[in-house]
Amino acid sequence: MATFRGNFDYKLDVKNRLTVPAKWRSSFSGGVVLAKGTADCVSLWVPERFDQMVDLAVVGLHEIDPERDRTERYFSSNSHDAELDAAGRIMIPGFLMDHAGLDTDVVLTGVRSRVEIWARDTWQAYNATLNIAEITKRVSGSTPGPTTA
């Protein structure tokens, strides 16, 4: 299973196509699922991993449970199957462009199991809020001590 790391500055072309970084293209050779991200971004998933994520989101919910239907509708109706073209590009549908406020300048971020596409200014503002001390406190329940060399 592919693991995505790093971030890349890119530009969308006039047809709203994104060139996927060469190092990630082979992971998407079997297709791509573009979906609304959990923040103001578009997520790119390997299809099998997207299906696993949706399955985990509904685990324990009976097939006729309205909450399961609601969850599956959200993920299914807010996603789009695509293929990379010969140049390693994908077209981003308008409804996903609108969701993420995408224009020409974008940032691709690797988030382990997926890639996210952010408007550059939105990513910069969001990234500035990420604080390792707060993350460490939430994860460990304590504040990190001073570092030593």
C-alpha atoms as a PDB file:
ATOM      1  CA  MET A   1       0.000   0.000   0.000  1.00  0.00           C
ATOM      2  CA  ALA A   2       1.360   3.389  -0.983  1.00  0.00           C
ATOM      3  CA  THR A   3       2.402   5.936   1.611  1.00  0.00           C
ATOM      4  CA  PHE A   4       2.399   9.590   0.547  1.00  0.00           C
ATOM      5  CA  ARG A   5       4.679  12.175   2.163  1.00  0.00           C
ATOM      6  CA  GLY A   6       5.899  15.673   1.389  1.00  0.00           C
ATOM      7  CA  ASN A   7       4.376  18.676  -0.316  1.00  0.00           C
ATOM      8  CA  PHE A   8       4.709  20.155  -3.771  1.00  0.00           C
ATOM      9  CA  ASP A   9       3.756  23.525  -5.269  1.00  0.00           C
ATOM     10  CA  TYR A  10       1.921  23.156  -8.583  1.00  0.00           C
ATOM     11  CA  LYS A  11      -0.276  25.075 -10.977  1.00  0.00           C
ATOM     12  CA  LEU A  12      -3.504  23.834 -12.519  1.00  0.00           C
ATOM     13  CA  ASP A  13      -3.760  24.335 -16.257  1.00  0.00           C
ATOM     14  CA  VAL A  14      -6.653  26.176 -17.947  1.00  0.00           C
ATOM     15  CA  LYS A  15      -8.656  22.912 -18.107  1.00  0.00           C
ATOM     16  CA  ASN A  16      -8.295  22.389 -14.319  1.00  0.00           C
ATOM     17  CA  ARG A  17      -5.849  19.548 -14.850  1.00  0.00           C
ATOM     18  CA  LEU A  18      -3.251  18.706 -12.257  1.00  0.00           C
ATOM     19  CA  THR A  19       0.038  16.989 -13.028  1.00  0.00           C
ATOM     20  CA  VAL A  20       0.570  14.354 -10.347  1.00  0.00           C
ATOM     21  CA  PRO A  21       4.176  14.297  -9.092  1.00  0.00           C
ATOM     22  CA  ALA A  22       6.191  11.605 -10.876  1.00  0.00           C
ATOM     23  CA  LYS A  23       7.085   9.865  -7.595  1.00  0.00           C
ATOM     24  CA  TRP A  24       3.369   9.225  -6.883  1.00  0.00           C
ATOM     25  CA  ARG A  25       2.121   8.314 -10.371  1.00  0.00           C
ATOM     26  CA  SER A  26       2.741   4.581 -10.170  1.00  0.00           C
ATOM     27  CA  SER A  27       0.564   4.412  -7.044  1.00  0.00           C
ATOM     28  CA  PHE A  28      -2.344   5.771  -9.095  1.00  0.00           C
ATOM     29  CA  SER A  29      -1.780   3.568 -12.162  1.00  0.00           C
ATOM     30  CA  GLY A  30      -4.962   1.641 -11.304  1.00  0.00           C
ATOM     31  CA  GLY A  31      -7.040   4.814 -11.070  1.00  0.00           C
ATOM     32  CA  VAL A  32      -7.724   7.694  -8.727  1.00  0.00           C
ATOM     33  CA  VAL A  33     -10.664   8.652  -6.544  1.00  0.00           C
ATOM     34  CA  LEU A  34     -10.949  12.411  -6.087  1.00  0.00           C
ATOM     35  CA  ALA A  35     -13.098  13.285  -3.073  1.00  0.00           C
ATOM     36  CA  LYS A  36     -14.021  16.148  -0.786  1.00  0.00           C
ATOM     37  CA  GLY A  37     -11.379  16.329   1.900  1.00  0.00           C
ATOM     38  CA  THR A  38     -12.181  16.604   5.584  1.00  0.00           C
ATOM     39  CA  ALA A  39     -10.858  20.167   5.396  1.00  0.00           C
ATOM     40  CA  ASP A  40     -10.992  22.693   2.557  1.00  0.00           C
ATOM     41  CA  CYS A  41      -9.104  20.449   0.158  1.00  0.00           C
ATOM     42  CA  VAL A  42      -9.552  17.661  -2.393  1.00  0.00           C
ATOM     43  CA  SER A  43      -8.289  14.202  -1.474  1.00  0.00           C
ATOM     44  CA  LEU A  44      -6.761  11.800  -3.995  1.00  0.00           C
ATOM     45  CA  TRP A  45      -7.108   8.157  -3.061  1.00  0.00           C
ATOM     46  CA  VAL A  46      -6.040   4.875  -4.544  1.00  0.00           C
ATOM     47  CA  PRO A  47      -9.504   3.338  -5.233  1.00  0.00           C
ATOM     48  CA  GLU A  48      -9.036   0.320  -2.953  1.00  0.00           C
ATOM     49  CA  ARG A  49      -7.891   2.523  -0.071  1.00  0.00           C
ATOM     50  CA  PHE A  50     -10.854   4.887  -0.545  1.00  0.00           C
ATOM     51  CA  ASP A  51     -13.235   1.911  -0.345  1.00  0.00           C
ATOM     52  CA  GLN A  52     -11.485   0.675   2.820  1.00  0.00           C
ATOM     53  CA  MET A  53     -11.836   4.114   4.399  1.00  0.00           C
ATOM     54  CA  VAL A  54     -15.571   4.209   3.615  1.00  0.00           C
ATOM     55  CA  ASP A  55     -15.986   0.669   4.945  1.00  0.00           C
ATOM     56  CA  LEU A  56     -14.330   1.727   8.209  1.00  0.00           C
ATOM     57  CA  ALA A  57     -16.586   4.785   8.425  1.00  0.00           C
ATOM     58  CA  VAL A  58     -19.702   2.588   8.405  1.00  0.00           C
ATOM     59  CA  VAL A  59     -18.433  -0.393  10.405  1.00  0.00           C
ATOM     60  CA  GLY A  60     -21.012  -1.471  12.933  1.00  0.00           C
ATOM     61  CA  LEU A  61     -23.887   0.278  11.152  1.00  0.00           C
ATOM     62  CA  HIS A  62     -26.600  -2.010   9.788  1.00  0.00           C
ATOM     63  CA  GLU A  63     -27.259  -1.831   6.042  1.00  0.00           C
ATOM     64  CA  ILE A  64     -30.691  -0.266   6.620  1.00  0.00           C
ATOM     65  CA  ASP A  65     -29.491   2.201   9.276  1.00  0.00           C
ATOM     66  CA  PRO A  66     -30.241   5.731   7.985  1.00  0.00           C
ATOM     67  CA  GLU A  67     -26.870   6.930   9.361  1.00  0.00           C
ATOM     68  CA  ARG A  68     -25.064   4.355   7.222  1.00  0.00           C
ATOM     69  CA  ASP A  69     -27.002   5.558   4.175  1.00  0.00           C
ATOM     70  CA  ARG A  70     -26.150   9.160   5.019  1.00  0.00           C
ATOM     71  CA  THR A  71     -22.449   8.382   5.402  1.00  0.00           C
ATOM     72  CA  GLU A  72     -22.267   6.321   2.215  1.00  0.00           C
ATOM     73  CA  ARG A  73     -24.165   9.000   0.295  1.00  0.00           C
ATOM     74  CA  TYR A  74     -21.724  11.640   1.483  1.00  0.00           C
ATOM     75  CA  PHE A  75     -18.660   9.719   0.353  1.00  0.00           C
ATOM     76  CA  SER A  76     -20.141   8.361  -2.877  1.00  0.00           C
ATOM     77  CA  SER A  77     -21.796  11.529  -4.127  1.00  0.00           C
ATOM     78  CA  ASN A  78     -18.837  13.744  -3.233  1.00  0.00           C
ATOM     79  CA  SER A  79     -16.227  11.665  -5.029  1.00  0.00           C
ATOM     80  CA  HIS A  80     -15.203  11.135  -8.627  1.00  0.00           C
ATOM     81  CA  ASP A  81     -13.338   8.271 -10.328  1.00  0.00           C
ATOM     82  CA  ALA A  82     -10.571   9.281 -12.736  1.00  0.00           C
ATOM     83  CA  GLU A  83      -7.542   7.962 -14.580  1.00  0.00           C
ATOM     84  CA  LEU A  84      -4.190   9.619 -15.093  1.00  0.00           C
ATOM     85  CA  ASP A  85      -3.713  10.645 -18.719  1.00  0.00           C
ATOM     86  CA  ALA A  86      -0.524   9.863 -20.667  1.00  0.00           C
ATOM     87  CA  ALA A  87       1.127  12.978 -19.193  1.00  0.00           C
ATOM     88  CA  GLY A  88       0.275  11.985 -15.592  1.00  0.00           C
ATOM     89  CA  ARG A  89      -2.540  14.535 -15.260  1.00  0.00           C
ATOM     90  CA  ILE A  90      -6.032  14.388 -13.818  1.00  0.00           C
ATOM     91  CA  MET A  91      -8.889  16.812 -14.336  1.00  0.00           C
ATOM     92  CA  ILE A  92     -10.470  18.141 -11.146  1.00  0.00           C
ATOM     93  CA  PRO A  93     -14.273  18.398 -11.414  1.00  0.00           C
ATOM     94  CA  GLY A  94     -15.918  21.762 -10.770  1.00  0.00           C
ATOM     95  CA  PHE A  95     -17.739  20.693  -7.605  1.00  0.00           C
ATOM     96  CA  LEU A  96     -14.422  19.688  -6.021  1.00  0.00           C
ATOM     97  CA  MET A  97     -12.724  22.873  -7.239  1.00  0.00           C
ATOM     98  CA  ASP A  98     -15.500  24.826  -5.502  1.00  0.00           C
ATOM     99  CA  HIS A  99     -15.285  22.782  -2.283  1.00  0.00           C
ATOM    100  CA  ALA A 100     -11.566  23.472  -1.905  1.00  0.00           C
ATOM    101  CA  GLY A 101     -11.595  26.997  -3.354  1.00  0.00           C
ATOM    102  CA  LEU A 102      -8.998  25.920  -5.915  1.00  0.00           C
ATOM    103  CA  ASP A 103      -7.695  28.287  -8.536  1.00  0.00           C
ATOM    104  CA  THR A 104      -4.396  28.121 -10.377  1.00  0.00           C
ATOM    105  CA  ASP A 105      -1.846  27.864  -7.543  1.00  0.00           C
ATOM    106  CA  VAL A 106      -2.134  24.666  -5.506  1.00  0.00           C
ATOM    107  CA  VAL A 107      -0.139  22.627  -3.022  1.00  0.00           C
ATOM    108  CA  LEU A 108      -0.168  18.835  -2.987  1.00  0.00           C
ATOM    109  CA  THR A 109       0.442  17.327   0.435  1.00  0.00           C
ATOM    110  CA  GLY A 110       1.073  13.691   1.211  1.00  0.00           C
ATOM    111  CA  VAL A 111      -1.023  12.498   4.135  1.00  0.00           C
ATOM    112  CA  ARG A 112       0.116   8.872   4.423  1.00  0.00           C
ATOM    113  CA  SER A 113      -2.850   7.077   2.801  1.00  0.00           C
ATOM    114  CA  ARG A 114      -3.906   9.915   0.503  1.00  0.00           C
ATOM    115  CA  VAL A 115      -2.769  13.057  -1.261  1.00  0.00           C
ATOM    116  CA  GLU A 116      -4.519  16.365  -0.614  1.00  0.00           C
ATOM    117  CA  ILE A 117      -4.829  19.275  -3.042  1.00  0.00           C
ATOM    118  CA  TRP A 118      -5.075  22.675  -1.368  1.00  0.00           C
ATOM    119  CA  ALA A 119      -5.334  26.215  -2.661  1.00  0.00           C
ATOM    120  CA  ARG A 120      -1.854  27.549  -1.885  1.00  0.00           C
ATOM    121  CA  ASP A 121      -3.037  30.383   0.395  1.00  0.00           C
ATOM    122  CA  THR A 122      -5.457  28.070   2.227  1.00  0.00           C
ATOM    123  CA  TRP A 123      -2.676  25.526   2.813  1.00  0.00           C
ATOM    124  CA  GLN A 124      -0.282  28.192   4.086  1.00  0.00           C
ATOM    125  CA  ALA A 125      -2.876  29.479   6.561  1.00  0.00           C
ATOM    126  CA  TYR A 126      -3.815  25.962   7.700  1.00  0.00           C
ATOM    127  CA  ASN A 127      -0.211  24.775   7.959  1.00  0.00           C
ATOM    128  CA  ALA A 128       0.601  27.799  10.148  1.00  0.00           C
ATOM    129  CA  THR A 129      -1.949  26.514  12.700  1.00  0.00           C
ATOM    130  CA  LEU A 130      -0.238  23.131  13.028  1.00  0.00           C
ATOM    131  CA  ASN A 131       1.675  23.145  16.298  1.00  0.00           C
ATOM    132  CA  ILE A 132       3.770  20.136  17.299  1.00  0.00           C
ATOM    133  CA  ALA A 133       3.460  20.912  21.023  1.00  0.00           C
ATOM    134  CA  GLU A 134      -0.345  20.804  20.799  1.00  0.00           C
ATOM    135  CA  ILE A 135      -0.262  17.640  18.685  1.00  0.00           C
ATOM    136  CA  THR A 136       2.109  15.944  21.133  1.00  0.00           C
ATOM    137  CA  LYS A 137      -0.055  16.948  24.081  1.00  0.00           C
ATOM    138  CA  ARG A 138      -3.180  15.577  22.414  1.00  0.00           C
ATOM    139  CA  VAL A 139      -1.504  12.325  21.405  1.00  0.00           C
ATOM    140  CA  SER A 140       0.386  11.641  24.643  1.00  0.00           C
ATOM    141  CA  GLY A 141      -1.739  13.551  27.119  1.00  0.00           C
ATOM    142  CA  SER A 142       1.299  15.529  28.242  1.00  0.00           C
ATOM    143  CA  THR A 143       3.422  18.471  27.205  1.00  0.00           C
ATOM    144  CA  PRO A 144       6.788  17.669  25.642  1.00  0.00           C
ATOM    145  CA  GLY A 145       9.833  18.512  27.739  1.00  0.00           C
ATOM    146  CA  PRO A 146      12.834  20.487  26.559  1.00  0.00           C
ATOM    147  CA  THR A 147      14.918  18.895  23.871  1.00  0.00           C
ATOM    148  CA  THR A 148      18.568  18.139  24.378  1.00  0.00           C
ATOM    149  CA  ALA A 149      21.299  17.654  21.848  1.00  0.00           C
END
